[in-house]
Amino acid sequence: IGDDVFYDRLLEVIASLVEADAFSLVRYSSSGAPDLI
């Protein structure tokens, strides 16, 4: 919490729950285009 790798760690939580082929973080905005994080 508070570190740059926080959302990488949240993706690890998802990975511990389901089997998948890729994990990512996308910033979806109500005003603009999506952003890759």
PDB file of all heavy atoms in Angstrom:
ATOM      1  N   ILE A   1       0.845  -1.199   0.000  1.00  0.00           N
ATOM      2  CA  ILE A   1       0.000   0.000   0.000  1.00  0.00           C
ATOM      3  C   ILE A   1       0.884   1.255   0.000  1.00  0.00           C
ATOM      4  O   ILE A   1       1.795   1.384   0.811  1.00  0.00           O
ATOM      5  CB  ILE A   1      -0.946   0.003   1.216  1.00  0.00           C
ATOM      6  CG1 ILE A   1      -2.045  -1.042   1.019  1.00  0.00           C
ATOM      7  CG2 ILE A   1      -1.556   1.381   1.445  1.00  0.00           C
ATOM      8  CD1 ILE A   1      -2.942  -1.226   2.214  1.00  0.00           C
ATOM      9  N   GLY A   2       0.612   2.154  -0.939  1.00  0.00           N
ATOM     10  CA  GLY A   2       1.384   3.386  -1.064  1.00  0.00           C
ATOM     11  C   GLY A   2       2.593   3.267  -1.962  1.00  0.00           C
ATOM     12  O   GLY A   2       3.240   4.275  -2.263  1.00  0.00           O
ATOM     13  N   ASP A   3       2.918   2.044  -2.435  1.00  0.00           N
ATOM     14  CA  ASP A   3       4.097   1.827  -3.283  1.00  0.00           C
ATOM     15  C   ASP A   3       3.696   1.703  -4.754  1.00  0.00           C
ATOM     16  O   ASP A   3       2.543   1.432  -5.094  1.00  0.00           O
ATOM     17  CB  ASP A   3       4.838   0.557  -2.862  1.00  0.00           C
ATOM     18  CG  ASP A   3       5.469   0.682  -1.484  1.00  0.00           C
ATOM     19  OD1 ASP A   3       5.651   1.829  -1.040  1.00  0.00           O
ATOM     20  OD2 ASP A   3       5.762  -0.359  -0.866  1.00  0.00           O
ATOM     21  N   ASP A   4       4.687   1.858  -5.631  1.00  0.00           N
ATOM     22  CA  ASP A   4       4.437   1.772  -7.073  1.00  0.00           C
ATOM     23  C   ASP A   4       3.943   0.398  -7.510  1.00  0.00           C
ATOM     24  O   ASP A   4       3.273   0.283  -8.538  1.00  0.00           O
ATOM     25  CB  ASP A   4       5.709   2.105  -7.853  1.00  0.00           C
ATOM     26  CG  ASP A   4       6.090   3.571  -7.741  1.00  0.00           C
ATOM     27  OD1 ASP A   4       5.219   4.370  -7.359  1.00  0.00           O
ATOM     28  OD2 ASP A   4       7.252   3.909  -8.035  1.00  0.00           O
ATOM     29  N   VAL A   5       4.290  -0.649  -6.764  1.00  0.00           N
ATOM     30  CA  VAL A   5       3.933  -2.011  -7.179  1.00  0.00           C
ATOM     31  C   VAL A   5       2.596  -2.460  -6.598  1.00  0.00           C
ATOM     32  O   VAL A   5       2.239  -3.633  -6.724  1.00  0.00           O
ATOM     33  CB  VAL A   5       5.028  -3.013  -6.756  1.00  0.00           C
ATOM     34  CG1 VAL A   5       6.339  -2.684  -7.444  1.00  0.00           C
ATOM     35  CG2 VAL A   5       5.194  -3.035  -5.236  1.00  0.00           C
ATOM     36  N   PHE A   6       1.844  -1.553  -6.006  1.00  0.00           N
ATOM     37  CA  PHE A   6       0.619  -1.963  -5.327  1.00  0.00           C
ATOM     38  C   PHE A   6      -0.339  -2.694  -6.270  1.00  0.00           C
ATOM     39  O   PHE A   6      -0.863  -3.762  -5.929  1.00  0.00           O
ATOM     40  CB  PHE A   6      -0.098  -0.753  -4.721  1.00  0.00           C
ATOM     41  CG  PHE A   6      -1.479  -1.077  -4.206  1.00  0.00           C
ATOM     42  CD1 PHE A   6      -1.639  -1.806  -3.030  1.00  0.00           C
ATOM     43  CD2 PHE A   6      -2.609  -0.695  -4.913  1.00  0.00           C
ATOM     44  CE1 PHE A   6      -2.905  -2.137  -2.570  1.00  0.00           C
ATOM     45  CE2 PHE A   6      -3.874  -1.013  -4.450  1.00  0.00           C
ATOM     46  CZ  PHE A   6      -4.023  -1.736  -3.276  1.00  0.00           C
ATOM     47  N   TYR A   7      -0.590  -2.142  -7.452  1.00  0.00           N
ATOM     48  CA  TYR A   7      -1.570  -2.773  -8.342  1.00  0.00           C
ATOM     49  C   TYR A   7      -1.030  -4.063  -8.957  1.00  0.00           C
ATOM     50  O   TYR A   7      -1.808  -4.959  -9.302  1.00  0.00           O
ATOM     51  CB  TYR A   7      -2.033  -1.790  -9.412  1.00  0.00           C
ATOM     52  CG  TYR A   7      -2.899  -0.697  -8.822  1.00  0.00           C
ATOM     53  CD1 TYR A   7      -2.397   0.586  -8.620  1.00  0.00           C
ATOM     54  CD2 TYR A   7      -4.208  -0.963  -8.422  1.00  0.00           C
ATOM     55  CE1 TYR A   7      -3.184   1.577  -8.051  1.00  0.00           C
ATOM     56  CE2 TYR A   7      -4.997   0.028  -7.847  1.00  0.00           C
ATOM     57  CZ  TYR A   7      -4.478   1.289  -7.665  1.00  0.00           C
ATOM     58  OH  TYR A   7      -5.252   2.268  -7.090  1.00  0.00           O
ATOM     59  N   ASP A   8       0.290  -4.185  -9.069  1.00  0.00           N
ATOM     60  CA  ASP A   8       0.859  -5.480  -9.446  1.00  0.00           C
ATOM     61  C   ASP A   8       0.474  -6.530  -8.404  1.00  0.00           C
ATOM     62  O   ASP A   8       0.149  -7.673  -8.741  1.00  0.00           O
ATOM     63  CB  ASP A   8       2.382  -5.393  -9.540  1.00  0.00           C
ATOM     64  CG  ASP A   8       2.853  -4.423 -10.611  1.00  0.00           C
ATOM     65  OD1 ASP A   8       2.906  -3.215 -10.323  1.00  0.00           O
ATOM     66  OD2 ASP A   8       3.164  -4.879 -11.719  1.00  0.00           O
ATOM     67  N   ARG A   9       0.507  -6.120  -7.143  1.00  0.00           N
ATOM     68  CA  ARG A   9       0.160  -7.041  -6.057  1.00  0.00           C
ATOM     69  C   ARG A   9      -1.336  -7.373  -6.062  1.00  0.00           C
ATOM     70  O   ARG A   9      -1.732  -8.506  -5.763  1.00  0.00           O
ATOM     71  CB  ARG A   9       0.563  -6.445  -4.709  1.00  0.00           C
ATOM     72  CG  ARG A   9       2.063  -6.217  -4.556  1.00  0.00           C
ATOM     73  CD  ARG A   9       2.815  -7.529  -4.532  1.00  0.00           C
ATOM     74  NE  ARG A   9       4.258  -7.309  -4.453  1.00  0.00           N
ATOM     75  CZ  ARG A   9       5.084  -7.386  -5.502  1.00  0.00           C
ATOM     76  NH1 ARG A   9       4.607  -7.703  -6.691  1.00  0.00           N
ATOM     77  NH2 ARG A   9       6.369  -7.157  -5.351  1.00  0.00           N
ATOM     78  N   LEU A  10      -2.179  -6.392  -6.423  1.00  0.00           N
ATOM     79  CA  LEU A  10      -3.609  -6.696  -6.516  1.00  0.00           C
ATOM     80  C   LEU A  10      -3.872  -7.717  -7.620  1.00  0.00           C
ATOM     81  O   LEU A  10      -4.746  -8.586  -7.483  1.00  0.00           O
ATOM     82  CB  LEU A  10      -4.415  -5.430  -6.792  1.00  0.00           C
ATOM     83  CG  LEU A  10      -4.841  -4.559  -5.616  1.00  0.00           C
ATOM     84  CD1 LEU A  10      -5.916  -3.574  -6.056  1.00  0.00           C
ATOM     85  CD2 LEU A  10      -5.332  -5.379  -4.419  1.00  0.00           C
ATOM     86  N   LEU A  11      -3.120  -7.619  -8.703  1.00  0.00           N
ATOM     87  CA  LEU A  11      -3.271  -8.607  -9.767  1.00  0.00           C
ATOM     88  C   LEU A  11      -2.834  -9.988  -9.307  1.00  0.00           C
ATOM     89  O   LEU A  11      -3.373 -11.002  -9.754  1.00  0.00           O
ATOM     90  CB  LEU A  11      -2.464  -8.167 -10.996  1.00  0.00           C
ATOM     91  CG  LEU A  11      -3.020  -6.941 -11.738  1.00  0.00           C
ATOM     92  CD1 LEU A  11      -2.040  -6.470 -12.805  1.00  0.00           C
ATOM     93  CD2 LEU A  11      -4.374  -7.249 -12.361  1.00  0.00           C
ATOM     94  N   GLU A  12      -1.874 -10.038  -8.399  1.00  0.00           N
ATOM     95  CA  GLU A  12      -1.481 -11.324  -7.823  1.00  0.00           C
ATOM     96  C   GLU A  12      -2.636 -11.936  -7.031  1.00  0.00           C
ATOM     97  O   GLU A  12      -2.816 -13.157  -7.018  1.00  0.00           O
ATOM     98  CB  GLU A  12      -0.268 -11.148  -6.912  1.00  0.00           C
ATOM     99  CG  GLU A  12       1.028 -10.853  -7.646  1.00  0.00           C
ATOM    100  CD  GLU A  12       2.200 -10.701  -6.689  1.00  0.00           C
ATOM    101  OE1 GLU A  12       1.978 -10.688  -5.455  1.00  0.00           O
ATOM    102  OE2 GLU A  12       3.347 -10.592  -7.164  1.00  0.00           O
ATOM    103  N   VAL A  13      -3.415 -11.075  -6.377  1.00  0.00           N
ATOM    104  CA  VAL A  13      -4.580 -11.578  -5.635  1.00  0.00           C
ATOM    105  C   VAL A  13      -5.560 -12.235  -6.603  1.00  0.00           C
ATOM    106  O   VAL A  13      -6.068 -13.331  -6.350  1.00  0.00           O
ATOM    107  CB  VAL A  13      -5.278 -10.434  -4.870  1.00  0.00           C
ATOM    108  CG1 VAL A  13      -6.558 -10.947  -4.202  1.00  0.00           C
ATOM    109  CG2 VAL A  13      -4.348  -9.835  -3.828  1.00  0.00           C
ATOM    110  N   ILE A  14      -5.833 -11.577  -7.742  1.00  0.00           N
ATOM    111  CA  ILE A  14      -6.723 -12.155  -8.745  1.00  0.00           C
ATOM    112  C   ILE A  14      -6.159 -13.476  -9.265  1.00  0.00           C
ATOM    113  O   ILE A  14      -6.882 -14.456  -9.441  1.00  0.00           O
ATOM    114  CB  ILE A  14      -6.923 -11.180  -9.923  1.00  0.00           C
ATOM    115  CG1 ILE A  14      -7.549  -9.869  -9.447  1.00  0.00           C
ATOM    116  CG2 ILE A  14      -7.787 -11.822 -10.997  1.00  0.00           C
ATOM    117  CD1 ILE A  14      -8.966  -9.998  -8.975  1.00  0.00           C
ATOM    118  N   ALA A  15      -4.834 -13.503  -9.477  1.00  0.00           N
ATOM    119  CA  ALA A  15      -4.193 -14.719  -9.995  1.00  0.00           C
ATOM    120  C   ALA A  15      -4.302 -15.880  -9.026  1.00  0.00           C
ATOM    121  O   ALA A  15      -4.258 -17.040  -9.431  1.00  0.00           O
ATOM    122  CB  ALA A  15      -2.732 -14.427 -10.329  1.00  0.00           C
ATOM    123  N   SER A  16      -4.432 -15.576  -7.741  1.00  0.00           N
ATOM    124  CA  SER A  16      -4.571 -16.650  -6.757  1.00  0.00           C
ATOM    125  C   SER A  16      -5.980 -17.229  -6.751  1.00  0.00           C
ATOM    126  O   SER A  16      -6.212 -18.285  -6.155  1.00  0.00           O
ATOM    127  CB  SER A  16      -4.235 -16.118  -5.356  1.00  0.00           C
ATOM    128  OG  SER A  16      -5.277 -15.292  -4.846  1.00  0.00           O
ATOM    129  N   LEU A  17      -6.912 -16.558  -7.437  1.00  0.00           N
ATOM    130  CA  LEU A  17      -8.318 -16.968  -7.399  1.00  0.00           C
ATOM    131  C   LEU A  17      -8.764 -17.726  -8.636  1.00  0.00           C
ATOM    132  O   LEU A  17      -9.584 -18.634  -8.547  1.00  0.00           O
ATOM    133  CB  LEU A  17      -9.212 -15.735  -7.221  1.00  0.00           C
ATOM    134  CG  LEU A  17      -9.024 -14.939  -5.937  1.00  0.00           C
ATOM    135  CD1 LEU A  17      -9.864 -13.669  -5.979  1.00  0.00           C
ATOM    136  CD2 LEU A  17      -9.403 -15.791  -4.727  1.00  0.00           C
ATOM    137  N   VAL A  18      -8.264 -17.326  -9.828  1.00  0.00           N
ATOM    138  CA  VAL A  18      -8.698 -17.966 -11.070  1.00  0.00           C
ATOM    139  C   VAL A  18      -7.498 -18.228 -11.969  1.00  0.00           C
ATOM    140  O   VAL A  18      -6.495 -17.517 -11.916  1.00  0.00           O
ATOM    141  CB  VAL A  18      -9.718 -17.089 -11.839  1.00  0.00           C
ATOM    142  CG1 VAL A  18     -10.991 -16.902 -11.027  1.00  0.00           C
ATOM    143  CG2 VAL A  18      -9.112 -15.749 -12.221  1.00  0.00           C
ATOM    144  N   GLU A  19      -7.627 -19.249 -12.801  1.00  0.00           N
ATOM    145  CA  GLU A  19      -6.582 -19.534 -13.791  1.00  0.00           C
ATOM    146  C   GLU A  19      -6.821 -18.645 -15.001  1.00  0.00           C
ATOM    147  O   GLU A  19      -7.940 -18.559 -15.518  1.00  0.00           O
ATOM    148  CB  GLU A  19      -6.635 -20.996 -14.212  1.00  0.00           C
ATOM    149  CG  GLU A  19      -5.564 -21.369 -15.224  1.00  0.00           C
ATOM    150  CD  GLU A  19      -5.624 -22.826 -15.621  1.00  0.00           C
ATOM    151  OE1 GLU A  19      -6.380 -23.584 -14.974  1.00  0.00           O
ATOM    152  OE2 GLU A  19      -4.924 -23.192 -16.580  1.00  0.00           O
ATOM    153  N   ALA A  20      -5.791 -17.958 -15.463  1.00  0.00           N
ATOM    154  CA  ALA A  20      -5.924 -17.050 -16.599  1.00  0.00           C
ATOM    155  C   ALA A  20      -4.614 -16.991 -17.359  1.00  0.00           C
ATOM    156  O   ALA A  20      -3.596 -17.529 -16.920  1.00  0.00           O
ATOM    157  CB  ALA A  20      -6.338 -15.666 -16.126  1.00  0.00           C
ATOM    158  N   ASP A  21      -4.651 -16.329 -18.521  1.00  0.00           N
ATOM    159  CA  ASP A  21      -3.487 -16.253 -19.390  1.00  0.00           C
ATOM    160  C   ASP A  21      -2.768 -14.912 -19.338  1.00  0.00           C
ATOM    161  O   ASP A  21      -1.619 -14.810 -19.767  1.00  0.00           O
ATOM    162  CB  ASP A  21      -3.903 -16.533 -20.834  1.00  0.00           C
ATOM    163  CG  ASP A  21      -4.455 -17.939 -20.987  1.00  0.00           C
ATOM    164  OD1 ASP A  21      -3.800 -18.870 -20.484  1.00  0.00           O
ATOM    165  OD2 ASP A  21      -5.526 -18.113 -21.587  1.00  0.00           O
ATOM    166  N   ALA A  22      -3.427 -13.878 -18.871  1.00  0.00           N
ATOM    167  CA  ALA A  22      -2.787 -12.569 -18.772  1.00  0.00           C
ATOM    168  C   ALA A  22      -3.536 -11.716 -17.766  1.00  0.00           C
ATOM    169  O   ALA A  22      -4.750 -11.876 -17.572  1.00  0.00           O
ATOM    170  CB  ALA A  22      -2.753 -11.869 -20.128  1.00  0.00           C
ATOM    171  N   PHE A  23      -2.799 -10.830 -17.110  1.00  0.00           N
ATOM    172  CA  PHE A  23      -3.362  -9.937 -16.099  1.00  0.00           C
ATOM    173  C   PHE A  23      -2.881  -8.522 -16.393  1.00  0.00           C
ATOM    174  O   PHE A  23      -1.732  -8.320 -16.767  1.00  0.00           O
ATOM    175  CB  PHE A  23      -2.912 -10.350 -14.683  1.00  0.00           C
ATOM    176  CG  PHE A  23      -3.303 -11.753 -14.315  1.00  0.00           C
ATOM    177  CD1 PHE A  23      -2.513 -12.831 -14.695  1.00  0.00           C
ATOM    178  CD2 PHE A  23      -4.444 -11.990 -13.595  1.00  0.00           C
ATOM    179  CE1 PHE A  23      -2.871 -14.118 -14.365  1.00  0.00           C
ATOM    180  CE2 PHE A  23      -4.813 -13.281 -13.248  1.00  0.00           C
ATOM    181  CZ  PHE A  23      -4.020 -14.349 -13.637  1.00  0.00           C
ATOM    182  N   SER A  24      -3.767  -7.553 -16.249  1.00  0.00           N
ATOM    183  CA  SER A  24      -3.370  -6.182 -16.567  1.00  0.00           C
ATOM    184  C   SER A  24      -4.205  -5.192 -15.778  1.00  0.00           C
ATOM    185  O   SER A  24      -5.205  -5.542 -15.149  1.00  0.00           O
ATOM    186  CB  SER A  24      -3.516  -5.920 -18.072  1.00  0.00           C
ATOM    187  OG  SER A  24      -4.797  -6.309 -18.519  1.00  0.00           O
ATOM    188  N   LEU A  25      -3.760  -3.937 -15.801  1.00  0.00           N
ATOM    189  CA  LEU A  25      -4.470  -2.846 -15.151  1.00  0.00           C
ATOM    190  C   LEU A  25      -4.747  -1.786 -16.197  1.00  0.00           C
ATOM    191  O   LEU A  25      -3.830  -1.303 -16.866  1.00  0.00           O
ATOM    192  CB  LEU A  25      -3.635  -2.246 -14.013  1.00  0.00           C
ATOM    193  CG  LEU A  25      -4.284  -1.063 -13.293  1.00  0.00           C
ATOM    194  CD1 LEU A  25      -5.444  -1.520 -12.414  1.00  0.00           C
ATOM    195  CD2 LEU A  25      -3.254  -0.318 -12.452  1.00  0.00           C
ATOM    196  N   VAL A  26      -6.023  -1.434 -16.365  1.00  0.00           N
ATOM    197  CA  VAL A  26      -6.446  -0.433 -17.334  1.00  0.00           C
ATOM    198  C   VAL A  26      -7.192   0.662 -16.594  1.00  0.00           C
ATOM    199  O   VAL A  26      -8.013   0.387 -15.711  1.00  0.00           O
ATOM    200  CB  VAL A  26      -7.369  -1.031 -18.413  1.00  0.00           C
ATOM    201  CG1 VAL A  26      -7.743   0.018 -19.449  1.00  0.00           C
ATOM    202  CG2 VAL A  26      -6.709  -2.216 -19.074  1.00  0.00           C
ATOM    203  N   ARG A  27      -6.904   1.879 -16.953  1.00  0.00           N
ATOM    204  CA  ARG A  27      -7.609   3.012 -16.359  1.00  0.00           C
ATOM    205  C   ARG A  27      -8.722   3.430 -17.307  1.00  0.00           C
ATOM    206  O   ARG A  27      -8.493   4.002 -18.359  1.00  0.00           O
ATOM    207  CB  ARG A  27      -6.639   4.176 -16.143  1.00  0.00           C
ATOM    208  CG  ARG A  27      -7.259   5.408 -15.539  1.00  0.00           C
ATOM    209  CD  ARG A  27      -6.189   6.485 -15.410  1.00  0.00           C
ATOM    210  NE  ARG A  27      -6.763   7.737 -14.973  1.00  0.00           N
ATOM    211  CZ  ARG A  27      -7.363   8.605 -15.792  1.00  0.00           C
ATOM    212  NH1 ARG A  27      -7.463   8.321 -17.076  1.00  0.00           N
ATOM    213  NH2 ARG A  27      -7.873   9.723 -15.331  1.00  0.00           N
ATOM    214  N   TYR A  28      -9.971   3.078 -16.943  1.00  0.00           N
ATOM    215  CA  TYR A  28     -11.132   3.449 -17.743  1.00  0.00           C
ATOM    216  C   TYR A  28     -11.682   4.771 -17.231  1.00  0.00           C
ATOM    217  O   TYR A  28     -12.002   4.906 -16.048  1.00  0.00           O
ATOM    218  CB  TYR A  28     -12.212   2.373 -17.682  1.00  0.00           C
ATOM    219  CG  TYR A  28     -11.903   1.184 -18.563  1.00  0.00           C
ATOM    220  CD1 TYR A  28     -11.499  -0.034 -18.015  1.00  0.00           C
ATOM    221  CD2 TYR A  28     -12.016   1.278 -19.950  1.00  0.00           C
ATOM    222  CE1 TYR A  28     -11.216  -1.123 -18.829  1.00  0.00           C
ATOM    223  CE2 TYR A  28     -11.728   0.196 -20.762  1.00  0.00           C
ATOM    224  CZ  TYR A  28     -11.339  -0.995 -20.207  1.00  0.00           C
ATOM    225  OH  TYR A  28     -11.050  -2.058 -21.018  1.00  0.00           O
ATOM    226  N   SER A  29     -11.817   5.742 -18.141  1.00  0.00           N
ATOM    227  CA  SER A  29     -12.234   7.087 -17.779  1.00  0.00           C
ATOM    228  C   SER A  29     -13.622   7.389 -18.314  1.00  0.00           C
ATOM    229  O   SER A  29     -14.006   6.905 -19.383  1.00  0.00           O
ATOM    230  CB  SER A  29     -11.239   8.117 -18.329  1.00  0.00           C
ATOM    231  OG  SER A  29     -11.735   9.422 -18.188  1.00  0.00           O
ATOM    232  N   SER A  30     -14.368   8.204 -17.579  1.00  0.00           N
ATOM    233  CA  SER A  30     -15.682   8.634 -18.044  1.00  0.00           C
ATOM    234  C   SER A  30     -15.572   9.750 -19.069  1.00  0.00           C
ATOM    235  O   SER A  30     -16.563  10.092 -19.714  1.00  0.00           O
ATOM    236  CB  SER A  30     -16.528   9.107 -16.857  1.00  0.00           C
ATOM    237  OG  SER A  30     -15.888  10.184 -16.191  1.00  0.00           O
ATOM    238  N   SER A  31     -14.378  10.327 -19.232  1.00  0.00           N
ATOM    239  CA  SER A  31     -14.212  11.483 -20.110  1.00  0.00           C
ATOM    240  C   SER A  31     -13.272  11.256 -21.284  1.00  0.00           C
ATOM    241  O   SER A  31     -13.328  11.997 -22.257  1.00  0.00           O
ATOM    242  CB  SER A  31     -13.693  12.677 -19.303  1.00  0.00           C
ATOM    243  OG  SER A  31     -14.556  12.999 -18.240  1.00  0.00           O
ATOM    244  N   GLY A  32     -12.396  10.267 -21.211  1.00  0.00           N
ATOM    245  CA  GLY A  32     -11.410  10.086 -22.264  1.00  0.00           C
ATOM    246  C   GLY A  32     -11.215   8.631 -22.628  1.00  0.00           C
ATOM    247  O   GLY A  32     -11.981   7.752 -22.217  1.00  0.00           O
ATOM    248  N   ALA A  33     -10.189   8.373 -23.425  1.00  0.00           N
ATOM    249  CA  ALA A  33      -9.870   7.020 -23.862  1.00  0.00           C
ATOM    250  C   ALA A  33      -9.229   6.229 -22.729  1.00  0.00           C
ATOM    251  O   ALA A  33      -8.660   6.803 -21.803  1.00  0.00           O
ATOM    252  CB  ALA A  33      -8.934   7.079 -25.059  1.00  0.00           C
ATOM    253  N   PRO A  34      -9.299   4.893 -22.783  1.00  0.00           N
ATOM    254  CA  PRO A  34      -8.646   4.066 -21.761  1.00  0.00           C
ATOM    255  C   PRO A  34      -7.133   4.214 -21.800  1.00  0.00           C
ATOM    256  O   PRO A  34      -6.555   4.555 -22.827  1.00  0.00           O
ATOM    257  CB  PRO A  34      -9.065   2.637 -22.143  1.00  0.00           C
ATOM    258  CG  PRO A  34     -10.273   2.798 -22.996  1.00  0.00           C
ATOM    259  CD  PRO A  34     -10.065   4.085 -23.747  1.00  0.00           C
ATOM    260  N   ASP A  35      -6.495   3.940 -20.655  1.00  0.00           N
ATOM    261  CA  ASP A  35      -5.038   4.004 -20.540  1.00  0.00           C
ATOM    262  C   ASP A  35      -4.504   2.694 -19.995  1.00  0.00           C
ATOM    263  O   ASP A  35      -5.048   2.132 -19.048  1.00  0.00           O
ATOM    264  CB  ASP A  35      -4.600   5.116 -19.591  1.00  0.00           C
ATOM    265  CG  ASP A  35      -4.766   6.489 -20.200  1.00  0.00           C
ATOM    266  OD1 ASP A  35      -4.235   6.713 -21.302  1.00  0.00           O
ATOM    267  OD2 ASP A  35      -5.433   7.333 -19.585  1.00  0.00           O
ATOM    268  N   LEU A  36      -3.409   2.231 -20.590  1.00  0.00           N
ATOM    269  CA  LEU A  36      -2.686   1.089 -20.056  1.00  0.00           C
ATOM    270  C   LEU A  36      -1.828   1.532 -18.878  1.00  0.00           C
ATOM    271  O   LEU A  36      -1.119   2.524 -18.969  1.00  0.00           O
ATOM    272  CB  LEU A  36      -1.786   0.492 -21.134  1.00  0.00           C
ATOM    273  CG  LEU A  36      -0.785  -0.550 -20.643  1.00  0.00           C
ATOM    274  CD1 LEU A  36      -1.479  -1.849 -20.328  1.00  0.00           C
ATOM    275  CD2 LEU A  36       0.306  -0.751 -21.674  1.00  0.00           C
ATOM    276  N   ILE A  37      -1.900   0.817 -17.786  1.00  0.00           N
ATOM    277  CA  ILE A  37      -1.020   1.073 -16.645  1.00  0.00           C
ATOM    278  C   ILE A  37      -0.054  -0.101 -16.479  1.00  0.00           C
ATOM    279  O   ILE A  37       1.151   0.071 -16.351  1.00  0.00           O
ATOM    280  CB  ILE A  37      -1.824   1.277 -15.346  1.00  0.00           C
ATOM    281  CG1 ILE A  37      -2.907   2.344 -15.542  1.00  0.00           C
ATOM    282  CG2 ILE A  37      -0.889   1.668 -14.209  1.00  0.00           C
ATOM    283  CD1 ILE A  37      -2.388   3.700 -15.929  1.00  0.00           C
TER     284      ILE A  37
END
